[in-house]
Amino acid sequence: MCQEGNQLWRDEDFADTFLKQTKKFLEQEKEKPFFLLFSTHDIHVPRVPNERFQGTTDQGPRGDAIAQLDWSVGQLMNLLEEKGLEENTLIIFSSDNGPVLDDGYEDNAAENLGLHDPFSNLRGGKYSAFEAGTKVPFIVSWPKEIKAGQTSTALFSQIDLLASFAHFTKTDFNENQAIDSQNKWNTSRGKTKSDVNG
């Protein structure tokens, strides 16, 4: 445990710190193709949104952290727009697992849900192989190439990102090390609603 004043950052400042570093990165890389992984801490435990978000929802720290996540994504989109990059930047918003409420923190996450159902009436959740544990948000934006407002029921796994991006960038990879990855490039762009490769 860090002593007061010795830590490198406060948990409450994660979002601001990540956005500050992202702004610096975009300033350096805006003239050439870039890859940015914006791995936010916002909705992970411990749930510690910045003070300006604390109490902004009626769903406790979990709801406040989700509000901060929404703000962070908005700030990132604004940064891309300021740099003139929003039209030709491929953005993927996703998560590594389904929801969990009771994860050892006494923050009344379950009690404060209200009408919100993070499980979408599916079985399981994080740590589970059931649907609520493996079905995650997957939103793709690329205004220059993808028509907005589309939805798809095609099966797509994050594992497929490797083969899909390798196809797009014409990059070879060792298929024996990623035997489950399938080229779903057209599926990810809404060009086909099929589950088959494409």
N, C-alpha and C. Protein backbone atom coordinates (compact mmCIF):
# COMPACT_ATOMS: atom_id res chain seq x y z
N MET A 1 0.84 -1.18 0.00
CA MET A 1 0.00 0.00 0.00
C MET A 1 0.88 1.25 0.00
N CYS A 2 0.57 2.19 -0.85
CA CYS A 2 1.35 3.43 -0.93
C CYS A 2 1.04 4.33 0.26
N GLN A 3 2.07 4.99 0.77
CA GLN A 3 1.84 5.97 1.81
C GLN A 3 1.30 7.24 1.18
N GLU A 4 0.55 7.98 1.95
CA GLU A 4 -0.03 9.22 1.46
C GLU A 4 1.05 10.11 0.84
N GLY A 5 0.83 10.54 -0.39
CA GLY A 5 1.76 11.43 -1.06
C GLY A 5 2.81 10.73 -1.88
N ASN A 6 2.92 9.39 -1.74
CA ASN A 6 3.95 8.66 -2.47
C ASN A 6 3.44 7.96 -3.71
N GLN A 7 2.14 7.87 -3.86
CA GLN A 7 1.59 7.18 -5.02
C GLN A 7 1.82 8.00 -6.29
N LEU A 8 1.84 7.30 -7.43
CA LEU A 8 2.08 7.98 -8.69
C LEU A 8 0.84 8.72 -9.17
N TRP A 9 -0.34 8.24 -8.80
CA TRP A 9 -1.57 8.92 -9.15
C TRP A 9 -2.67 8.54 -8.17
N ARG A 10 -3.73 9.33 -8.18
CA ARG A 10 -4.92 8.98 -7.40
C ARG A 10 -5.85 8.19 -8.30
N ASP A 11 -6.50 7.17 -7.76
CA ASP A 11 -7.45 6.38 -8.55
C ASP A 11 -8.51 7.28 -9.18
N GLU A 12 -8.94 8.29 -8.46
CA GLU A 12 -9.99 9.19 -8.96
C GLU A 12 -9.56 9.98 -10.19
N ASP A 13 -8.27 10.01 -10.48
CA ASP A 13 -7.77 10.80 -11.61
C ASP A 13 -7.42 9.95 -12.83
N PHE A 14 -7.73 8.64 -12.79
CA PHE A 14 -7.40 7.77 -13.92
C PHE A 14 -7.91 8.33 -15.25
N ALA A 15 -9.18 8.67 -15.31
CA ALA A 15 -9.77 9.11 -16.58
C ALA A 15 -9.06 10.35 -17.13
N ASP A 16 -8.81 11.32 -16.26
CA ASP A 16 -8.13 12.54 -16.71
C ASP A 16 -6.70 12.25 -17.15
N THR A 17 -6.02 11.36 -16.43
CA THR A 17 -4.64 11.01 -16.77
C THR A 17 -4.58 10.33 -18.12
N PHE A 18 -5.48 9.36 -18.35
CA PHE A 18 -5.49 8.65 -19.63
C PHE A 18 -5.80 9.59 -20.79
N LEU A 19 -6.75 10.50 -20.58
CA LEU A 19 -7.10 11.44 -21.64
C LEU A 19 -5.96 12.42 -21.93
N LYS A 20 -5.26 12.83 -20.91
CA LYS A 20 -4.11 13.73 -21.09
C LYS A 20 -3.04 13.03 -21.92
N GLN A 21 -2.75 11.77 -21.61
CA GLN A 21 -1.75 11.03 -22.37
C GLN A 21 -2.22 10.76 -23.80
N THR A 22 -3.51 10.51 -23.96
CA THR A 22 -4.06 10.28 -25.29
C THR A 22 -3.93 11.53 -26.15
N LYS A 23 -4.21 12.67 -25.56
CA LYS A 23 -4.09 13.94 -26.31
C LYS A 23 -2.65 14.14 -26.77
N LYS A 24 -1.69 13.84 -25.89
CA LYS A 24 -0.28 13.97 -26.24
C LYS A 24 0.08 13.00 -27.37
N PHE A 25 -0.41 11.77 -27.27
CA PHE A 25 -0.14 10.75 -28.29
C PHE A 25 -0.70 11.18 -29.65
N LEU A 26 -1.95 11.64 -29.67
CA LEU A 26 -2.57 12.04 -30.93
C LEU A 26 -1.85 13.22 -31.56
N GLU A 27 -1.36 14.12 -30.73
CA GLU A 27 -0.61 15.26 -31.25
C GLU A 27 0.66 14.78 -31.97
N GLN A 28 1.30 13.76 -31.42
CA GLN A 28 2.53 13.23 -32.01
C GLN A 28 2.27 12.39 -33.25
N GLU A 29 1.15 11.66 -33.27
CA GLU A 29 0.93 10.65 -34.31
C GLU A 29 -0.09 11.04 -35.38
N LYS A 30 -0.69 12.20 -35.30
CA LYS A 30 -1.84 12.54 -36.14
C LYS A 30 -1.54 12.56 -37.64
N GLU A 31 -0.28 12.68 -38.02
CA GLU A 31 0.07 12.78 -39.43
C GLU A 31 0.31 11.42 -40.09
N LYS A 32 0.24 10.33 -39.32
CA LYS A 32 0.50 9.00 -39.86
C LYS A 32 -0.46 8.00 -39.23
N PRO A 33 -0.61 6.84 -39.85
CA PRO A 33 -1.49 5.82 -39.25
C PRO A 33 -1.03 5.48 -37.83
N PHE A 34 -1.98 5.25 -36.94
CA PHE A 34 -1.64 4.94 -35.56
C PHE A 34 -2.59 3.89 -35.00
N PHE A 35 -2.14 3.24 -33.95
CA PHE A 35 -2.98 2.32 -33.17
C PHE A 35 -2.99 2.83 -31.74
N LEU A 36 -4.17 3.01 -31.20
CA LEU A 36 -4.32 3.48 -29.82
C LEU A 36 -5.26 2.54 -29.08
N LEU A 37 -4.80 1.97 -27.98
CA LEU A 37 -5.66 1.19 -27.10
C LEU A 37 -5.97 2.06 -25.90
N PHE A 38 -7.20 2.51 -25.82
CA PHE A 38 -7.65 3.36 -24.71
C PHE A 38 -8.33 2.43 -23.70
N SER A 39 -7.54 1.86 -22.82
CA SER A 39 -8.04 0.85 -21.89
C SER A 39 -8.44 1.52 -20.58
N THR A 40 -9.66 1.99 -20.55
CA THR A 40 -10.14 2.77 -19.41
C THR A 40 -10.30 1.91 -18.16
N HIS A 41 -10.14 2.53 -17.03
CA HIS A 41 -10.36 1.87 -15.74
C HIS A 41 -11.77 2.17 -15.23
N ASP A 42 -12.47 3.04 -15.88
CA ASP A 42 -13.69 3.65 -15.34
C ASP A 42 -14.66 2.69 -14.66
N ILE A 43 -14.98 1.57 -15.30
CA ILE A 43 -16.03 0.73 -14.71
C ILE A 43 -15.48 -0.50 -14.01
N HIS A 44 -14.16 -0.55 -13.82
CA HIS A 44 -13.56 -1.66 -13.10
C HIS A 44 -13.50 -1.33 -11.61
N VAL A 45 -13.19 -2.33 -10.80
CA VAL A 45 -13.03 -2.09 -9.37
C VAL A 45 -11.59 -1.72 -9.06
N PRO A 46 -11.33 -0.94 -8.04
CA PRO A 46 -12.35 -0.27 -7.24
C PRO A 46 -13.03 0.83 -8.04
N ARG A 47 -14.32 0.99 -7.84
CA ARG A 47 -15.07 2.01 -8.59
C ARG A 47 -14.88 3.35 -7.91
N VAL A 48 -14.02 4.15 -8.49
CA VAL A 48 -13.66 5.42 -7.86
C VAL A 48 -13.68 6.55 -8.89
N PRO A 49 -14.87 6.95 -9.32
CA PRO A 49 -14.92 8.07 -10.28
C PRO A 49 -14.40 9.35 -9.64
N ASN A 50 -13.97 10.24 -10.50
CA ASN A 50 -13.50 11.54 -10.03
C ASN A 50 -14.61 12.24 -9.25
N GLU A 51 -14.21 13.12 -8.34
CA GLU A 51 -15.18 13.81 -7.49
C GLU A 51 -16.27 14.52 -8.28
N ARG A 52 -15.94 15.03 -9.47
CA ARG A 52 -16.96 15.76 -10.22
C ARG A 52 -18.07 14.84 -10.75
N PHE A 53 -17.85 13.51 -10.70
CA PHE A 53 -18.88 12.56 -11.13
C PHE A 53 -19.55 11.88 -9.94
N GLN A 54 -18.98 12.00 -8.77
CA GLN A 54 -19.54 11.32 -7.60
C GLN A 54 -20.89 11.94 -7.24
N GLY A 55 -21.91 11.08 -7.18
CA GLY A 55 -23.25 11.54 -6.84
C GLY A 55 -24.04 12.08 -8.03
N THR A 56 -23.52 11.94 -9.24
CA THR A 56 -24.23 12.48 -10.40
C THR A 56 -25.33 11.54 -10.89
N THR A 57 -25.35 10.30 -10.42
CA THR A 57 -26.43 9.37 -10.76
C THR A 57 -27.07 8.89 -9.47
N ASP A 58 -28.17 8.19 -9.60
CA ASP A 58 -28.81 7.62 -8.41
C ASP A 58 -28.46 6.13 -8.28
N GLN A 59 -27.36 5.72 -8.92
CA GLN A 59 -26.96 4.31 -8.91
C GLN A 59 -25.62 4.08 -8.22
N GLY A 60 -25.25 4.99 -7.33
CA GLY A 60 -24.05 4.81 -6.53
C GLY A 60 -22.77 4.90 -7.33
N PRO A 61 -21.65 4.45 -6.74
CA PRO A 61 -20.36 4.54 -7.42
C PRO A 61 -20.33 3.86 -8.78
N ARG A 62 -21.07 2.75 -8.93
CA ARG A 62 -21.07 2.05 -10.21
C ARG A 62 -21.71 2.93 -11.29
N GLY A 63 -22.85 3.51 -10.99
CA GLY A 63 -23.52 4.40 -11.94
C GLY A 63 -22.68 5.63 -12.25
N ASP A 64 -22.03 6.18 -11.22
CA ASP A 64 -21.19 7.36 -11.42
C ASP A 64 -19.99 7.03 -12.30
N ALA A 65 -19.43 5.82 -12.11
CA ALA A 65 -18.29 5.40 -12.94
C ALA A 65 -18.72 5.21 -14.39
N ILE A 66 -19.93 4.71 -14.61
CA ILE A 66 -20.43 4.56 -15.98
C ILE A 66 -20.63 5.93 -16.62
N ALA A 67 -21.11 6.89 -15.82
CA ALA A 67 -21.25 8.26 -16.34
C ALA A 67 -19.88 8.83 -16.72
N GLN A 68 -18.87 8.53 -15.93
CA GLN A 68 -17.52 9.00 -16.25
C GLN A 68 -16.99 8.32 -17.51
N LEU A 69 -17.29 7.03 -17.67
CA LEU A 69 -16.90 6.32 -18.89
C LEU A 69 -17.52 6.98 -20.11
N ASP A 70 -18.81 7.29 -20.03
CA ASP A 70 -19.50 7.95 -21.13
C ASP A 70 -18.83 9.28 -21.46
N TRP A 71 -18.48 10.02 -20.43
CA TRP A 71 -17.79 11.30 -20.61
C TRP A 71 -16.43 11.08 -21.26
N SER A 72 -15.68 10.07 -20.80
CA SER A 72 -14.35 9.80 -21.35
C SER A 72 -14.41 9.49 -22.84
N VAL A 73 -15.38 8.66 -23.23
CA VAL A 73 -15.53 8.33 -24.65
C VAL A 73 -15.87 9.59 -25.44
N GLY A 74 -16.73 10.42 -24.90
CA GLY A 74 -17.07 11.68 -25.56
C GLY A 74 -15.86 12.59 -25.72
N GLN A 75 -15.03 12.65 -24.69
CA GLN A 75 -13.81 13.46 -24.76
C GLN A 75 -12.86 12.92 -25.82
N LEU A 76 -12.74 11.60 -25.90
CA LEU A 76 -11.88 10.98 -26.91
C LEU A 76 -12.39 11.30 -28.31
N MET A 77 -13.71 11.22 -28.51
CA MET A 77 -14.28 11.54 -29.81
C MET A 77 -14.05 13.02 -30.15
N ASN A 78 -14.15 13.89 -29.15
CA ASN A 78 -13.87 15.31 -29.38
C ASN A 78 -12.42 15.55 -29.79
N LEU A 79 -11.50 14.81 -29.16
CA LEU A 79 -10.08 14.95 -29.51
C LEU A 79 -9.85 14.58 -30.97
N LEU A 80 -10.47 13.47 -31.41
CA LEU A 80 -10.32 13.06 -32.81
C LEU A 80 -10.88 14.11 -33.75
N GLU A 81 -12.01 14.69 -33.37
CA GLU A 81 -12.62 15.72 -34.21
C GLU A 81 -11.73 16.96 -34.28
N GLU A 82 -11.18 17.36 -33.13
CA GLU A 82 -10.29 18.53 -33.10
C GLU A 82 -9.08 18.36 -34.02
N LYS A 83 -8.60 17.13 -34.13
CA LYS A 83 -7.43 16.84 -34.96
C LYS A 83 -7.81 16.52 -36.40
N GLY A 84 -9.10 16.56 -36.71
CA GLY A 84 -9.56 16.25 -38.06
C GLY A 84 -9.43 14.77 -38.40
N LEU A 85 -9.51 13.91 -37.40
CA LEU A 85 -9.28 12.48 -37.60
C LEU A 85 -10.55 11.64 -37.49
N GLU A 86 -11.68 12.25 -37.18
CA GLU A 86 -12.87 11.46 -36.87
C GLU A 86 -13.42 10.68 -38.07
N GLU A 87 -13.29 11.23 -39.28
CA GLU A 87 -13.88 10.56 -40.45
C GLU A 87 -13.15 9.30 -40.85
N ASN A 88 -11.83 9.30 -40.71
CA ASN A 88 -11.06 8.18 -41.22
C ASN A 88 -10.32 7.43 -40.12
N THR A 89 -10.93 7.38 -38.93
CA THR A 89 -10.38 6.59 -37.83
C THR A 89 -11.37 5.49 -37.49
N LEU A 90 -10.89 4.26 -37.47
CA LEU A 90 -11.69 3.10 -37.08
C LEU A 90 -11.68 3.01 -35.57
N ILE A 91 -12.85 3.08 -34.96
CA ILE A 91 -12.97 3.03 -33.51
C ILE A 91 -13.80 1.80 -33.14
N ILE A 92 -13.30 1.04 -32.19
CA ILE A 92 -14.04 -0.11 -31.67
C ILE A 92 -14.21 0.08 -30.17
N PHE A 93 -15.45 0.02 -29.73
CA PHE A 93 -15.76 0.09 -28.29
C PHE A 93 -16.23 -1.28 -27.86
N SER A 94 -15.54 -1.85 -26.89
CA SER A 94 -15.92 -3.18 -26.44
C SER A 94 -15.51 -3.37 -24.99
N SER A 95 -15.73 -4.58 -24.49
CA SER A 95 -15.39 -4.92 -23.11
C SER A 95 -14.79 -6.31 -23.09
N ASP A 96 -14.07 -6.63 -22.03
CA ASP A 96 -13.41 -7.93 -21.96
C ASP A 96 -14.29 -9.02 -21.35
N ASN A 97 -15.39 -8.66 -20.77
CA ASN A 97 -16.28 -9.66 -20.16
C ASN A 97 -17.62 -9.03 -19.83
N GLY A 98 -18.55 -9.88 -19.45
CA GLY A 98 -19.86 -9.40 -19.04
C GLY A 98 -19.83 -8.79 -17.65
N PRO A 99 -20.99 -8.38 -17.14
CA PRO A 99 -21.05 -7.63 -15.88
C PRO A 99 -20.86 -8.48 -14.64
N VAL A 100 -20.44 -7.81 -13.58
CA VAL A 100 -20.40 -8.39 -12.24
C VAL A 100 -20.77 -7.27 -11.27
N LEU A 101 -21.56 -7.61 -10.28
CA LEU A 101 -21.97 -6.61 -9.30
C LEU A 101 -21.32 -6.85 -7.94
N ASP A 102 -21.40 -8.09 -7.46
CA ASP A 102 -20.86 -8.42 -6.15
C ASP A 102 -19.44 -8.93 -6.31
N ASP A 103 -18.48 -8.03 -6.30
CA ASP A 103 -17.10 -8.41 -6.52
C ASP A 103 -16.21 -8.01 -5.34
N GLY A 104 -16.79 -8.05 -4.15
CA GLY A 104 -16.01 -7.83 -2.95
C GLY A 104 -16.00 -6.41 -2.42
N TYR A 105 -16.62 -5.49 -3.12
CA TYR A 105 -16.65 -4.10 -2.68
C TYR A 105 -18.04 -3.76 -2.15
N GLU A 106 -18.09 -3.11 -1.04
CA GLU A 106 -19.37 -2.74 -0.44
C GLU A 106 -19.82 -1.39 -0.97
N ASP A 107 -20.23 -1.40 -2.24
CA ASP A 107 -20.65 -0.13 -2.85
C ASP A 107 -22.11 -0.19 -3.30
N ASN A 108 -22.84 -1.20 -2.81
CA ASN A 108 -24.28 -1.32 -3.09
C ASN A 108 -24.61 -1.33 -4.58
N ALA A 109 -23.73 -1.91 -5.38
CA ALA A 109 -23.94 -1.94 -6.83
C ALA A 109 -25.26 -2.64 -7.18
N ALA A 110 -25.54 -3.77 -6.55
CA ALA A 110 -26.77 -4.51 -6.86
C ALA A 110 -28.00 -3.76 -6.37
N GLU A 111 -27.91 -3.18 -5.19
CA GLU A 111 -29.06 -2.48 -4.61
C GLU A 111 -29.41 -1.21 -5.37
N ASN A 112 -28.42 -0.59 -6.02
CA ASN A 112 -28.65 0.70 -6.69
C ASN A 112 -28.92 0.58 -8.19
N LEU A 113 -29.17 -0.63 -8.67
CA LEU A 113 -29.37 -0.81 -10.11
C LEU A 113 -30.58 -0.07 -10.66
N GLY A 114 -31.63 0.04 -9.86
CA GLY A 114 -32.85 0.63 -10.38
C GLY A 114 -33.41 -0.22 -11.51
N LEU A 115 -33.76 0.40 -12.63
CA LEU A 115 -34.30 -0.32 -13.77
C LEU A 115 -33.21 -0.84 -14.72
N HIS A 116 -31.97 -0.51 -14.43
CA HIS A 116 -30.86 -0.94 -15.29
C HIS A 116 -30.61 -2.43 -15.13
N ASP A 117 -30.52 -3.16 -16.25
CA ASP A 117 -30.25 -4.59 -16.22
C ASP A 117 -28.98 -4.87 -17.03
N PRO A 118 -27.81 -4.86 -16.39
CA PRO A 118 -26.57 -5.06 -17.14
C PRO A 118 -26.45 -6.46 -17.73
N PHE A 119 -27.26 -7.41 -17.23
CA PHE A 119 -27.21 -8.79 -17.71
C PHE A 119 -28.13 -9.03 -18.90
N SER A 120 -28.98 -8.07 -19.21
CA SER A 120 -29.92 -8.17 -20.34
C SER A 120 -30.74 -9.45 -20.30
N ASN A 121 -31.15 -9.84 -19.11
CA ASN A 121 -31.96 -11.06 -18.91
C ASN A 121 -31.27 -12.33 -19.38
N LEU A 122 -29.94 -12.31 -19.46
CA LEU A 122 -29.18 -13.49 -19.86
C LEU A 122 -28.62 -14.19 -18.62
N ARG A 123 -28.26 -15.46 -18.78
CA ARG A 123 -27.70 -16.22 -17.67
C ARG A 123 -26.24 -15.84 -17.43
N GLY A 124 -25.80 -15.97 -16.19
CA GLY A 124 -24.39 -15.80 -15.86
C GLY A 124 -23.95 -14.36 -15.77
N GLY A 125 -22.67 -14.15 -15.96
CA GLY A 125 -22.04 -12.85 -15.87
C GLY A 125 -20.54 -13.07 -15.91
N LYS A 126 -19.77 -12.11 -15.47
CA LYS A 126 -18.32 -12.27 -15.44
C LYS A 126 -17.97 -13.55 -14.68
N TYR A 127 -16.95 -14.22 -15.11
CA TYR A 127 -16.47 -15.51 -14.57
C TYR A 127 -17.33 -16.67 -15.04
N SER A 128 -18.30 -16.44 -15.91
CA SER A 128 -19.21 -17.49 -16.35
C SER A 128 -19.08 -17.69 -17.85
N ALA A 129 -19.30 -18.95 -18.28
CA ALA A 129 -19.31 -19.24 -19.72
C ALA A 129 -20.69 -19.04 -20.32
N PHE A 130 -21.68 -18.69 -19.47
CA PHE A 130 -23.02 -18.43 -19.98
C PHE A 130 -23.04 -17.10 -20.75
N GLU A 131 -24.18 -16.84 -21.40
CA GLU A 131 -24.28 -15.72 -22.34
C GLU A 131 -23.91 -14.37 -21.75
N ALA A 132 -24.38 -14.09 -20.53
CA ALA A 132 -24.11 -12.76 -19.95
C ALA A 132 -22.64 -12.57 -19.63
N GLY A 133 -21.90 -13.66 -19.54
CA GLY A 133 -20.47 -13.55 -19.29
C GLY A 133 -19.65 -13.33 -20.54
N THR A 134 -20.19 -13.75 -21.68
CA THR A 134 -19.41 -13.69 -22.92
C THR A 134 -19.98 -12.72 -23.96
N LYS A 135 -21.23 -12.33 -23.80
CA LYS A 135 -21.81 -11.35 -24.73
C LYS A 135 -21.45 -9.95 -24.23
N VAL A 136 -20.68 -9.25 -25.03
CA VAL A 136 -20.19 -7.94 -24.61
C VAL A 136 -20.54 -6.89 -25.66
N PRO A 137 -20.53 -5.62 -25.28
CA PRO A 137 -20.76 -4.58 -26.28
C PRO A 137 -19.67 -4.61 -27.34
N PHE A 138 -20.06 -4.36 -28.59
CA PHE A 138 -19.09 -4.29 -29.68
C PHE A 138 -19.64 -3.27 -30.68
N ILE A 139 -19.13 -2.06 -30.56
CA ILE A 139 -19.59 -0.95 -31.40
C ILE A 139 -18.43 -0.52 -32.28
N VAL A 140 -18.68 -0.43 -33.57
CA VAL A 140 -17.65 -0.06 -34.54
C VAL A 140 -18.06 1.23 -35.24
N SER A 141 -17.14 2.18 -35.28
CA SER A 141 -17.38 3.45 -35.98
C SER A 141 -16.22 3.74 -36.91
N TRP A 142 -16.58 4.09 -38.14
CA TRP A 142 -15.58 4.51 -39.14
C TRP A 142 -16.37 5.27 -40.20
N PRO A 143 -16.70 6.53 -39.94
CA PRO A 143 -17.62 7.27 -40.80
C PRO A 143 -17.29 7.23 -42.28
N LYS A 144 -16.01 7.22 -42.63
CA LYS A 144 -15.62 7.20 -44.05
C LYS A 144 -15.99 5.89 -44.73
N GLU A 145 -16.07 4.80 -43.95
CA GLU A 145 -16.25 3.47 -44.53
C GLU A 145 -17.51 2.74 -44.08
N ILE A 146 -18.08 3.12 -42.95
CA ILE A 146 -19.19 2.36 -42.38
C ILE A 146 -20.41 3.26 -42.22
N LYS A 147 -21.52 2.81 -42.76
CA LYS A 147 -22.77 3.55 -42.61
C LYS A 147 -23.23 3.48 -41.15
N ALA A 148 -23.56 4.62 -40.58
CA ALA A 148 -23.96 4.68 -39.18
C ALA A 148 -25.35 4.07 -38.97
N GLY A 149 -25.62 3.65 -37.75
CA GLY A 149 -26.94 3.20 -37.36
C GLY A 149 -27.26 1.75 -37.67
N GLN A 150 -26.30 0.99 -38.12
CA GLN A 150 -26.53 -0.42 -38.44
C GLN A 150 -26.45 -1.28 -37.18
N THR A 151 -27.18 -2.38 -37.19
CA THR A 151 -27.03 -3.41 -36.17
C THR A 151 -26.90 -4.75 -36.87
N SER A 152 -26.30 -5.71 -36.16
CA SER A 152 -26.11 -7.03 -36.74
C SER A 152 -26.25 -8.09 -35.67
N THR A 153 -26.81 -9.20 -36.04
CA THR A 153 -26.89 -10.35 -35.13
C THR A 153 -25.85 -11.41 -35.48
N ALA A 154 -24.97 -11.10 -36.42
CA ALA A 154 -23.92 -12.06 -36.82
C ALA A 154 -22.99 -12.31 -35.64
N LEU A 155 -22.56 -13.55 -35.52
CA LEU A 155 -21.62 -13.89 -34.47
C LEU A 155 -20.25 -13.31 -34.79
N PHE A 156 -19.64 -12.69 -33.80
CA PHE A 156 -18.31 -12.11 -33.97
C PHE A 156 -17.63 -12.18 -32.62
N SER A 157 -16.39 -12.64 -32.62
CA SER A 157 -15.63 -12.73 -31.37
C SER A 157 -14.42 -11.81 -31.47
N GLN A 158 -13.99 -11.31 -30.34
CA GLN A 158 -12.78 -10.49 -30.35
C GLN A 158 -11.58 -11.27 -30.87
N ILE A 159 -11.64 -12.59 -30.77
CA ILE A 159 -10.58 -13.43 -31.32
C ILE A 159 -10.46 -13.19 -32.83
N ASP A 160 -11.58 -12.85 -33.47
CA ASP A 160 -11.59 -12.64 -34.91
C ASP A 160 -10.90 -11.34 -35.33
N LEU A 161 -10.60 -10.48 -34.39
CA LEU A 161 -9.94 -9.22 -34.75
C LEU A 161 -8.57 -9.46 -35.38
N LEU A 162 -7.85 -10.46 -34.88
CA LEU A 162 -6.52 -10.73 -35.42
C LEU A 162 -6.58 -11.06 -36.91
N ALA A 163 -7.37 -12.06 -37.28
CA ALA A 163 -7.45 -12.46 -38.68
C ALA A 163 -8.08 -11.36 -39.54
N SER A 164 -9.04 -10.65 -38.98
CA SER A 164 -9.72 -9.60 -39.73
C SER A 164 -8.77 -8.44 -40.05
N PHE A 165 -8.03 -7.97 -39.06
CA PHE A 165 -7.09 -6.88 -39.29
C PHE A 165 -5.90 -7.34 -40.13
N ALA A 166 -5.49 -8.59 -39.96
CA ALA A 166 -4.41 -9.11 -40.81
C ALA A 166 -4.84 -9.11 -42.26
N HIS A 167 -6.09 -9.48 -42.52
CA HIS A 167 -6.62 -9.44 -43.88
C HIS A 167 -6.60 -8.02 -44.42
N PHE A 168 -7.12 -7.08 -43.64
CA PHE A 168 -7.21 -5.69 -44.08
C PHE A 168 -5.83 -5.08 -44.35
N THR A 169 -4.88 -5.36 -43.48
CA THR A 169 -3.55 -4.76 -43.61
C THR A 169 -2.60 -5.61 -44.45
N LYS A 170 -3.13 -6.75 -44.96
CA LYS A 170 -2.30 -7.67 -45.76
C LYS A 170 -1.06 -8.10 -44.99
N THR A 171 -1.28 -8.48 -43.74
CA THR A 171 -0.20 -8.88 -42.85
C THR A 171 -0.30 -10.38 -42.56
N ASP A 172 0.80 -11.07 -42.67
CA ASP A 172 0.82 -12.50 -42.35
C ASP A 172 0.90 -12.69 -40.84
N PHE A 173 0.30 -13.77 -40.37
CA PHE A 173 0.46 -14.15 -38.96
C PHE A 173 0.45 -15.67 -38.88
N ASN A 174 0.96 -16.19 -37.82
CA ASN A 174 1.04 -17.63 -37.62
C ASN A 174 -0.33 -18.16 -37.23
N GLU A 175 -1.02 -18.76 -38.19
CA GLU A 175 -2.38 -19.24 -37.93
C GLU A 175 -2.41 -20.37 -36.91
N ASN A 176 -1.29 -21.05 -36.71
CA ASN A 176 -1.24 -22.11 -35.69
C ASN A 176 -1.28 -21.53 -34.28
N GLN A 177 -0.94 -20.26 -34.15
CA GLN A 177 -1.00 -19.60 -32.85
C GLN A 177 -2.32 -18.89 -32.62
N ALA A 178 -3.18 -18.89 -33.63
CA ALA A 178 -4.50 -18.24 -33.51
C ALA A 178 -5.50 -19.05 -34.31
N ILE A 179 -5.62 -20.33 -33.97
CA ILE A 179 -6.41 -21.25 -34.79
C ILE A 179 -7.90 -20.91 -34.80
N ASP A 180 -8.36 -20.18 -33.79
CA ASP A 180 -9.79 -19.85 -33.73
C ASP A 180 -10.13 -18.52 -34.38
N SER A 181 -9.13 -17.75 -34.76
CA SER A 181 -9.39 -16.43 -35.33
C SER A 181 -9.82 -16.57 -36.79
N GLN A 182 -10.96 -15.95 -37.11
CA GLN A 182 -11.49 -16.00 -38.47
C GLN A 182 -11.56 -14.59 -39.06
N ASN A 183 -11.35 -14.51 -40.36
CA ASN A 183 -11.45 -13.23 -41.04
C ASN A 183 -12.92 -12.83 -41.14
N LYS A 184 -13.32 -11.88 -40.32
CA LYS A 184 -14.69 -11.37 -40.35
C LYS A 184 -14.66 -9.87 -40.65
N TRP A 185 -13.73 -9.48 -41.52
CA TRP A 185 -13.55 -8.06 -41.83
C TRP A 185 -14.83 -7.42 -42.33
N ASN A 186 -15.52 -8.06 -43.26
CA ASN A 186 -16.75 -7.48 -43.79
C ASN A 186 -17.87 -7.49 -42.77
N THR A 187 -17.89 -8.49 -41.91
CA THR A 187 -18.89 -8.53 -40.83
C THR A 187 -18.68 -7.35 -39.89
N SER A 188 -17.43 -7.10 -39.52
CA SER A 188 -17.14 -6.02 -38.57
C SER A 188 -17.47 -4.65 -39.14
N ARG A 189 -17.50 -4.52 -40.46
CA ARG A 189 -17.81 -3.24 -41.11
C ARG A 189 -19.26 -3.12 -41.54
N GLY A 190 -20.06 -4.14 -41.23
CA GLY A 190 -21.46 -4.09 -41.60
C GLY A 190 -21.71 -4.36 -43.08
N LYS A 191 -20.71 -4.89 -43.77
CA LYS A 191 -20.87 -5.17 -45.21
C LYS A 191 -21.59 -6.48 -45.45
N THR A 192 -21.64 -7.33 -44.42
CA THR A 192 -22.41 -8.56 -44.48
C THR A 192 -22.98 -8.85 -43.12
N LYS A 193 -24.14 -9.44 -43.07
CA LYS A 193 -24.77 -9.82 -41.81
C LYS A 193 -24.56 -11.29 -41.53
N SER A 194 -23.70 -11.93 -42.31
CA SER A 194 -23.50 -13.37 -42.23
C SER A 194 -22.51 -13.73 -41.14
N ASP A 195 -22.67 -14.94 -40.58
CA ASP A 195 -21.72 -15.44 -39.60
C ASP A 195 -20.48 -16.03 -40.25
N VAL A 196 -20.54 -16.29 -41.55
CA VAL A 196 -19.42 -16.94 -42.23
C VAL A 196 -18.30 -15.94 -42.43
N ASN A 197 -17.12 -16.46 -42.73
CA ASN A 197 -15.96 -15.59 -42.94
C ASN A 197 -16.27 -14.55 -44.02
N GLY A 198 -15.71 -13.40 -43.85
CA GLY A 198 -15.92 -12.36 -44.83
C GLY A 198 -15.51 -11.07 -44.28
